[in-house]
Amino acid sequence: MTDDVWKRNEIASPCVKICVVHPEARICTGCYRTIEEIGGWSRMTDDQRARIMGELDARKSSLTKRRGGRRARLSQG
């Protein structure tokens, strides 16, 4: 028996299992997809997924990551 039975011919998910949503941009800081894209990923066509995958690098550069979290905010006040 081979694993070919279990293989799918679809584009891979960009998920890196670091699921933290940027509070303002509402984009995951791990994979750079929107909440809507993450939720609808399994229902998208291959073309829709490929288009999103092509946009992720540009999103990465536009996203400002938060630094310091709660501790940094409390020390400013």
PDB file of N, CA and C in Angstrom:
ATOM      1  N   MET A   1       0.846  -1.190   0.000  1.00  0.00           N
ATOM      2  CA  MET A   1       0.000   0.000   0.000  1.00  0.00           C
ATOM      3  C   MET A   1       0.885   1.245   0.000  1.00  0.00           C
ATOM      4  N   THR A   2       0.496   2.233  -0.782  1.00  0.00           N
ATOM      5  CA  THR A   2       1.282   3.462  -0.851  1.00  0.00           C
ATOM      6  C   THR A   2       0.510   4.613  -0.241  1.00  0.00           C
ATOM      7  N   ASP A   3       1.210   5.685   0.016  1.00  0.00           N
ATOM      8  CA  ASP A   3       0.583   6.880   0.574  1.00  0.00           C
ATOM      9  C   ASP A   3      -0.103   7.722  -0.489  1.00  0.00           C
ATOM     10  N   ASP A   4      -0.019   7.343  -1.749  1.00  0.00           N
ATOM     11  CA  ASP A   4      -0.632   8.116  -2.827  1.00  0.00           C
ATOM     12  C   ASP A   4      -2.128   8.289  -2.630  1.00  0.00           C
ATOM     13  N   VAL A   5      -2.752   7.339  -1.977  1.00  0.00           N
ATOM     14  CA  VAL A   5      -4.189   7.409  -1.723  1.00  0.00           C
ATOM     15  C   VAL A   5      -4.526   8.629  -0.864  1.00  0.00           C
ATOM     16  N   TRP A   6      -3.650   8.984   0.044  1.00  0.00           N
ATOM     17  CA  TRP A   6      -3.917  10.052   1.003  1.00  0.00           C
ATOM     18  C   TRP A   6      -3.430  11.419   0.553  1.00  0.00           C
ATOM     19  N   LYS A   7      -2.721  11.483  -0.541  1.00  0.00           N
ATOM     20  CA  LYS A   7      -2.207  12.757  -1.029  1.00  0.00           C
ATOM     21  C   LYS A   7      -3.295  13.540  -1.727  1.00  0.00           C
ATOM     22  N   ARG A   8      -3.262  14.837  -1.563  1.00  0.00           N
ATOM     23  CA  ARG A   8      -4.204  15.719  -2.236  1.00  0.00           C
ATOM     24  C   ARG A   8      -3.429  16.606  -3.204  1.00  0.00           C
ATOM     25  N   ASN A   9      -4.050  16.940  -4.284  1.00  0.00           N
ATOM     26  CA  ASN A   9      -3.432  17.824  -5.256  1.00  0.00           C
ATOM     27  C   ASN A   9      -3.947  19.241  -5.009  1.00  0.00           C
ATOM     28  N   GLU A  10      -3.463  19.843  -3.948  1.00  0.00           N
ATOM     29  CA  GLU A  10      -3.891  21.199  -3.620  1.00  0.00           C
ATOM     30  C   GLU A  10      -2.720  21.975  -3.032  1.00  0.00           C
ATOM     31  N   ILE A  11      -2.847  23.274  -3.051  1.00  0.00           N
ATOM     32  CA  ILE A  11      -1.795  24.134  -2.531  1.00  0.00           C
ATOM     33  C   ILE A  11      -1.719  24.001  -1.006  1.00  0.00           C
ATOM     34  N   ALA A  12      -0.533  23.985  -0.481  1.00  0.00           N
ATOM     35  CA  ALA A  12      -0.334  23.825   0.952  1.00  0.00           C
ATOM     36  C   ALA A  12      -0.775  25.067   1.712  1.00  0.00           C
ATOM     37  N   SER A  13      -1.130  24.864   2.955  1.00  0.00           N
ATOM     38  CA  SER A  13      -1.486  25.983   3.817  1.00  0.00           C
ATOM     39  C   SER A  13      -0.216  26.700   4.269  1.00  0.00           C
ATOM     40  N   PRO A  14      -0.263  28.026   4.398  1.00  0.00           N
ATOM     41  CA  PRO A  14       0.911  28.763   4.872  1.00  0.00           C
ATOM     42  C   PRO A  14       1.030  28.755   6.400  1.00  0.00           C
ATOM     43  N   CYS A  15       0.135  28.058   7.074  1.00  0.00           N
ATOM     44  CA  CYS A  15       0.120  28.049   8.537  1.00  0.00           C
ATOM     45  C   CYS A  15       1.448  27.540   9.096  1.00  0.00           C
ATOM     46  N   VAL A  16       1.991  28.270  10.083  1.00  0.00           N
ATOM     47  CA  VAL A  16       3.226  27.868  10.748  1.00  0.00           C
ATOM     48  C   VAL A  16       2.975  27.587  12.229  1.00  0.00           C
ATOM     49  N   LYS A  17       1.699  27.479  12.591  1.00  0.00           N
ATOM     50  CA  LYS A  17       1.265  27.149  13.953  1.00  0.00           C
ATOM     51  C   LYS A  17       1.694  28.203  14.974  1.00  0.00           C
ATOM     52  N   ILE A  18       1.769  29.450  14.538  1.00  0.00           N
ATOM     53  CA  ILE A  18       1.976  30.585  15.428  1.00  0.00           C
ATOM     54  C   ILE A  18       0.780  31.498  15.194  1.00  0.00           C
ATOM     55  N   CYS A  19      -0.293  31.235  15.897  1.00  0.00           N
ATOM     56  CA  CYS A  19      -1.560  31.919  15.638  1.00  0.00           C
ATOM     57  C   CYS A  19      -1.759  33.081  16.612  1.00  0.00           C
ATOM     58  N   VAL A  20      -1.299  34.246  16.194  1.00  0.00           N
ATOM     59  CA  VAL A  20      -1.475  35.474  16.965  1.00  0.00           C
ATOM     60  C   VAL A  20      -1.986  36.525  15.989  1.00  0.00           C
ATOM     61  N   VAL A  21      -3.144  37.054  16.277  1.00  0.00           N
ATOM     62  CA  VAL A  21      -3.758  38.016  15.367  1.00  0.00           C
ATOM     63  C   VAL A  21      -3.365  39.429  15.774  1.00  0.00           C
ATOM     64  N   HIS A  22      -2.816  40.187  14.832  1.00  0.00           N
ATOM     65  CA  HIS A  22      -2.461  41.581  15.062  1.00  0.00           C
ATOM     66  C   HIS A  22      -3.743  42.346  15.358  1.00  0.00           C
ATOM     67  N   PRO A  23      -3.795  43.095  16.458  1.00  0.00           N
ATOM     68  CA  PRO A  23      -5.054  43.718  16.890  1.00  0.00           C
ATOM     69  C   PRO A  23      -5.605  44.784  15.946  1.00  0.00           C
ATOM     70  N   GLU A  24      -4.770  45.457  15.210  1.00  0.00           N
ATOM     71  CA  GLU A  24      -5.247  46.507  14.309  1.00  0.00           C
ATOM     72  C   GLU A  24      -5.432  45.996  12.884  1.00  0.00           C
ATOM     73  N   ALA A  25      -4.457  45.264  12.380  1.00  0.00           N
ATOM     74  CA  ALA A  25      -4.522  44.786  11.001  1.00  0.00           C
ATOM     75  C   ALA A  25      -5.419  43.561  10.855  1.00  0.00           C
ATOM     76  N   ARG A  26      -5.678  42.860  11.951  1.00  0.00           N
ATOM     77  CA  ARG A  26      -6.475  41.622  11.949  1.00  0.00           C
ATOM     78  C   ARG A  26      -5.900  40.582  10.995  1.00  0.00           C
ATOM     79  N   ILE A  27      -4.562  40.492  11.032  1.00  0.00           N
ATOM     80  CA  ILE A  27      -3.824  39.524  10.227  1.00  0.00           C
ATOM     81  C   ILE A  27      -3.008  38.660  11.178  1.00  0.00           C
ATOM     82  N   CYS A  28      -2.957  37.367  10.921  1.00  0.00           N
ATOM     83  CA  CYS A  28      -2.163  36.465  11.747  1.00  0.00           C
ATOM     84  C   CYS A  28      -0.683  36.796  11.554  1.00  0.00           C
ATOM     85  N   THR A  29       0.039  36.970  12.660  1.00  0.00           N
ATOM     86  CA  THR A  29       1.454  37.312  12.567  1.00  0.00           C
ATOM     87  C   THR A  29       2.320  36.099  12.236  1.00  0.00           C
ATOM     88  N   GLY A  30       1.725  34.922  12.189  1.00  0.00           N
ATOM     89  CA  GLY A  30       2.460  33.714  11.806  1.00  0.00           C
ATOM     90  C   GLY A  30       2.404  33.452  10.315  1.00  0.00           C
ATOM     91  N   CYS A  31       1.191  33.481   9.744  1.00  0.00           N
ATOM     92  CA  CYS A  31       1.039  33.137   8.324  1.00  0.00           C
ATOM     93  C   CYS A  31       0.635  34.331   7.455  1.00  0.00           C
ATOM     94  N   TYR A  32       0.264  35.438   8.083  1.00  0.00           N
ATOM     95  CA  TYR A  32      -0.093  36.688   7.393  1.00  0.00           C
ATOM     96  C   TYR A  32      -1.405  36.614   6.618  1.00  0.00           C
ATOM     97  N   ARG A  33      -2.271  35.666   6.993  1.00  0.00           N
ATOM     98  CA  ARG A  33      -3.604  35.623   6.396  1.00  0.00           C
ATOM     99  C   ARG A  33      -4.585  36.367   7.295  1.00  0.00           C
ATOM    100  N   THR A  34      -5.680  36.838   6.700  1.00  0.00           N
ATOM    101  CA  THR A  34      -6.734  37.463   7.491  1.00  0.00           C
ATOM    102  C   THR A  34      -7.549  36.376   8.176  1.00  0.00           C
ATOM    103  N   ILE A  35      -8.338  36.783   9.158  1.00  0.00           N
ATOM    104  CA  ILE A  35      -9.206  35.840   9.856  1.00  0.00           C
ATOM    105  C   ILE A  35     -10.160  35.171   8.860  1.00  0.00           C
ATOM    106  N   GLU A  36     -10.691  35.951   7.935  1.00  0.00           N
ATOM    107  CA  GLU A  36     -11.620  35.416   6.944  1.00  0.00           C
ATOM    108  C   GLU A  36     -10.946  34.388   6.037  1.00  0.00           C
ATOM    109  N   GLU A  37      -9.693  34.658   5.662  1.00  0.00           N
ATOM    110  CA  GLU A  37      -8.961  33.727   4.806  1.00  0.00           C
ATOM    111  C   GLU A  37      -8.669  32.426   5.539  1.00  0.00           C
ATOM    112  N   ILE A  38      -8.302  32.528   6.804  1.00  0.00           N
ATOM    113  CA  ILE A  38      -8.026  31.332   7.595  1.00  0.00           C
ATOM    114  C   ILE A  38      -9.294  30.488   7.722  1.00  0.00           C
ATOM    115  N   GLY A  39     -10.402  31.131   8.045  1.00  0.00           N
ATOM    116  CA  GLY A  39     -11.658  30.417   8.220  1.00  0.00           C
ATOM    117  C   GLY A  39     -12.190  29.785   6.958  1.00  0.00           C
ATOM    118  N   GLY A  40     -11.942  30.403   5.819  1.00  0.00           N
ATOM    119  CA  GLY A  40     -12.471  29.900   4.564  1.00  0.00           C
ATOM    120  C   GLY A  40     -11.494  29.099   3.730  1.00  0.00           C
ATOM    121  N   TRP A  41     -10.291  28.871   4.230  1.00  0.00           N
ATOM    122  CA  TRP A  41      -9.227  28.232   3.463  1.00  0.00           C
ATOM    123  C   TRP A  41      -9.650  26.896   2.849  1.00  0.00           C
ATOM    124  N   SER A  42     -10.320  26.064   3.613  1.00  0.00           N
ATOM    125  CA  SER A  42     -10.680  24.731   3.110  1.00  0.00           C
ATOM    126  C   SER A  42     -11.758  24.782   2.036  1.00  0.00           C
ATOM    127  N   ARG A  43     -12.482  25.881   1.939  1.00  0.00           N
ATOM    128  CA  ARG A  43     -13.538  26.007   0.937  1.00  0.00           C
ATOM    129  C   ARG A  43     -13.099  26.785  -0.304  1.00  0.00           C
ATOM    130  N   MET A  44     -11.875  27.286  -0.309  1.00  0.00           N
ATOM    131  CA  MET A  44     -11.384  28.075  -1.438  1.00  0.00           C
ATOM    132  C   MET A  44     -10.912  27.185  -2.578  1.00  0.00           C
ATOM    133  N   THR A  45     -10.941  27.753  -3.758  1.00  0.00           N
ATOM    134  CA  THR A  45     -10.407  27.044  -4.917  1.00  0.00           C
ATOM    135  C   THR A  45      -8.879  27.147  -4.895  1.00  0.00           C
ATOM    136  N   ASP A  46      -8.236  26.314  -5.683  1.00  0.00           N
ATOM    137  CA  ASP A  46      -6.772  26.369  -5.777  1.00  0.00           C
ATOM    138  C   ASP A  46      -6.303  27.740  -6.259  1.00  0.00           C
ATOM    139  N   ASP A  47      -7.051  28.343  -7.194  1.00  0.00           N
ATOM    140  CA  ASP A  47      -6.684  29.668  -7.704  1.00  0.00           C
ATOM    141  C   ASP A  47      -6.781  30.727  -6.617  1.00  0.00           C
ATOM    142  N   GLN A  48      -7.817  30.660  -5.786  1.00  0.00           N
ATOM    143  CA  GLN A  48      -7.970  31.627  -4.696  1.00  0.00           C
ATOM    144  C   GLN A  48      -6.833  31.483  -3.697  1.00  0.00           C
ATOM    145  N   ARG A  49      -6.499  30.240  -3.357  1.00  0.00           N
ATOM    146  CA  ARG A  49      -5.393  30.002  -2.413  1.00  0.00           C
ATOM    147  C   ARG A  49      -4.067  30.484  -2.990  1.00  0.00           C
ATOM    148  N   ALA A  50      -3.830  30.217  -4.254  1.00  0.00           N
ATOM    149  CA  ALA A  50      -2.578  30.635  -4.893  1.00  0.00           C
ATOM    150  C   ALA A  50      -2.460  32.154  -4.907  1.00  0.00           C
ATOM    151  N   ARG A  51      -3.575  32.855  -5.159  1.00  0.00           N
ATOM    152  CA  ARG A  51      -3.565  34.319  -5.159  1.00  0.00           C
ATOM    153  C   ARG A  51      -3.182  34.840  -3.771  1.00  0.00           C
ATOM    154  N   ILE A  52      -3.777  34.274  -2.739  1.00  0.00           N
ATOM    155  CA  ILE A  52      -3.476  34.697  -1.369  1.00  0.00           C
ATOM    156  C   ILE A  52      -2.017  34.401  -1.029  1.00  0.00           C
ATOM    157  N   MET A  53      -1.546  33.218  -1.393  1.00  0.00           N
ATOM    158  CA  MET A  53      -0.148  32.857  -1.113  1.00  0.00           C
ATOM    159  C   MET A  53       0.802  33.861  -1.767  1.00  0.00           C
ATOM    160  N   GLY A  54       0.440  34.362  -2.935  1.00  0.00           N
ATOM    161  CA  GLY A  54       1.262  35.343  -3.633  1.00  0.00           C
ATOM    162  C   GLY A  54       1.276  36.706  -2.957  1.00  0.00           C
ATOM    163  N   GLU A  55       0.281  36.990  -2.134  1.00  0.00           N
ATOM    164  CA  GLU A  55       0.180  38.282  -1.452  1.00  0.00           C
ATOM    165  C   GLU A  55       0.851  38.298  -0.079  1.00  0.00           C
ATOM    166  N   LEU A  56       1.199  37.145   0.460  1.00  0.00           N
ATOM    167  CA  LEU A  56       1.653  37.066   1.852  1.00  0.00           C
ATOM    168  C   LEU A  56       2.960  37.810   2.113  1.00  0.00           C
ATOM    169  N   ASP A  57       3.925  37.746   1.200  1.00  0.00           N
ATOM    170  CA  ASP A  57       5.198  38.445   1.423  1.00  0.00           C
ATOM    171  C   ASP A  57       5.002  39.952   1.544  1.00  0.00           C
ATOM    172  N   ALA A  58       4.114  40.506   0.736  1.00  0.00           N
ATOM    173  CA  ALA A  58       3.854  41.946   0.803  1.00  0.00           C
ATOM    174  C   ALA A  58       3.188  42.311   2.122  1.00  0.00           C
ATOM    175  N   ARG A  59       2.338  41.451   2.621  1.00  0.00           N
ATOM    176  CA  ARG A  59       1.677  41.709   3.908  1.00  0.00           C
ATOM    177  C   ARG A  59       2.683  41.686   5.051  1.00  0.00           C
ATOM    178  N   LYS A  60       3.644  40.805   4.952  1.00  0.00           N
ATOM    179  CA  LYS A  60       4.651  40.667   6.007  1.00  0.00           C
ATOM    180  C   LYS A  60       5.386  41.988   6.222  1.00  0.00           C
ATOM    181  N   SER A  61       5.746  42.652   5.149  1.00  0.00           N
ATOM    182  CA  SER A  61       6.510  43.895   5.273  1.00  0.00           C
ATOM    183  C   SER A  61       5.641  45.059   5.749  1.00  0.00           C
ATOM    184  N   SER A  62       4.334  44.964   5.551  1.00  0.00           N
ATOM    185  CA  SER A  62       3.464  46.059   5.969  1.00  0.00           C
ATOM    186  C   SER A  62       2.955  45.914   7.401  1.00  0.00           C
ATOM    187  N   LEU A  63       3.206  44.768   8.010  1.00  0.00           N
ATOM    188  CA  LEU A  63       2.696  44.498   9.348  1.00  0.00           C
ATOM    189  C   LEU A  63       3.727  44.863  10.397  1.00  0.00           C
ATOM    190  N   THR A  64       3.348  45.725  11.315  1.00  0.00           N
ATOM    191  CA  THR A  64       4.233  46.097  12.413  1.00  0.00           C
ATOM    192  C   THR A  64       3.928  45.196  13.587  1.00  0.00           C
ATOM    193  N   LYS A  65       4.916  44.441  13.995  1.00  0.00           N
ATOM    194  CA  LYS A  65       4.714  43.533  15.124  1.00  0.00           C
ATOM    195  C   LYS A  65       4.821  44.305  16.430  1.00  0.00           C
ATOM    196  N   ARG A  66       4.002  43.889  17.381  1.00  0.00           N
ATOM    197  CA  ARG A  66       4.034  44.493  18.707  1.00  0.00           C
ATOM    198  C   ARG A  66       5.240  43.956  19.454  1.00  0.00           C
ATOM    199  N   ARG A  67       5.832  44.802  20.259  1.00  0.00           N
ATOM    200  CA  ARG A  67       6.990  44.377  21.048  1.00  0.00           C
ATOM    201  C   ARG A  67       6.735  44.641  22.518  1.00  0.00           C
ATOM    202  N   GLY A  68       7.058  43.672  23.327  1.00  0.00           N
ATOM    203  CA  GLY A  68       7.004  43.847  24.769  1.00  0.00           C
ATOM    204  C   GLY A  68       5.692  43.446  25.409  1.00  0.00           C
ATOM    205  N   GLY A  69       4.616  43.432  24.658  1.00  0.00           N
ATOM    206  CA  GLY A  69       3.330  43.011  25.193  1.00  0.00           C
ATOM    207  C   GLY A  69       2.855  43.864  26.348  1.00  0.00           C
ATOM    208  N   ARG A  70       2.179  43.247  27.273  1.00  0.00           N
ATOM    209  CA  ARG A  70       1.553  43.950  28.397  1.00  0.00           C
ATOM    210  C   ARG A  70       2.596  44.615  29.288  1.00  0.00           C
ATOM    211  N   ARG A  71       3.678  43.941  29.544  1.00  0.00           N
ATOM    212  CA  ARG A  71       4.722  44.480  30.426  1.00  0.00           C
ATOM    213  C   ARG A  71       5.266  45.807  29.898  1.00  0.00           C
ATOM    214  N   ALA A  72       5.507  45.889  28.592  1.00  0.00           N
ATOM    215  CA  ALA A  72       6.036  47.114  27.988  1.00  0.00           C
ATOM    216  C   ALA A  72       5.014  48.247  28.087  1.00  0.00           C
ATOM    217  N   ARG A  73       3.733  47.943  27.886  1.00  0.00           N
ATOM    218  CA  ARG A  73       2.701  48.973  27.986  1.00  0.00           C
ATOM    219  C   ARG A  73       2.573  49.493  29.409  1.00  0.00           C
ATOM    220  N   LEU A  74       2.678  48.610  30.393  1.00  0.00           N
ATOM    221  CA  LEU A  74       2.555  49.028  31.791  1.00  0.00           C
ATOM    222  C   LEU A  74       3.736  49.879  32.231  1.00  0.00           C
ATOM    223  N   SER A  75       4.937  49.574  31.703  1.00  0.00           N
ATOM    224  CA  SER A  75       6.122  50.339  32.095  1.00  0.00           C
ATOM    225  C   SER A  75       6.126  51.743  31.494  1.00  0.00           C
ATOM    226  N   GLN A  76       5.329  51.967  30.436  1.00  0.00           N
ATOM    227  CA  GLN A  76       5.254  53.294  29.815  1.00  0.00           C
ATOM    228  C   GLN A  76       4.393  54.235  30.620  1.00  0.00           C
ATOM    229  N   GLY A  77       3.455  53.707  31.368  1.00  0.00           N
ATOM    230  CA  GLY A  77       2.478  54.538  32.059  1.00  0.00           C
ATOM    231  C   GLY A  77       2.884  55.072  33.355  1.00  0.00           C
TER     232      GLY A  77
END
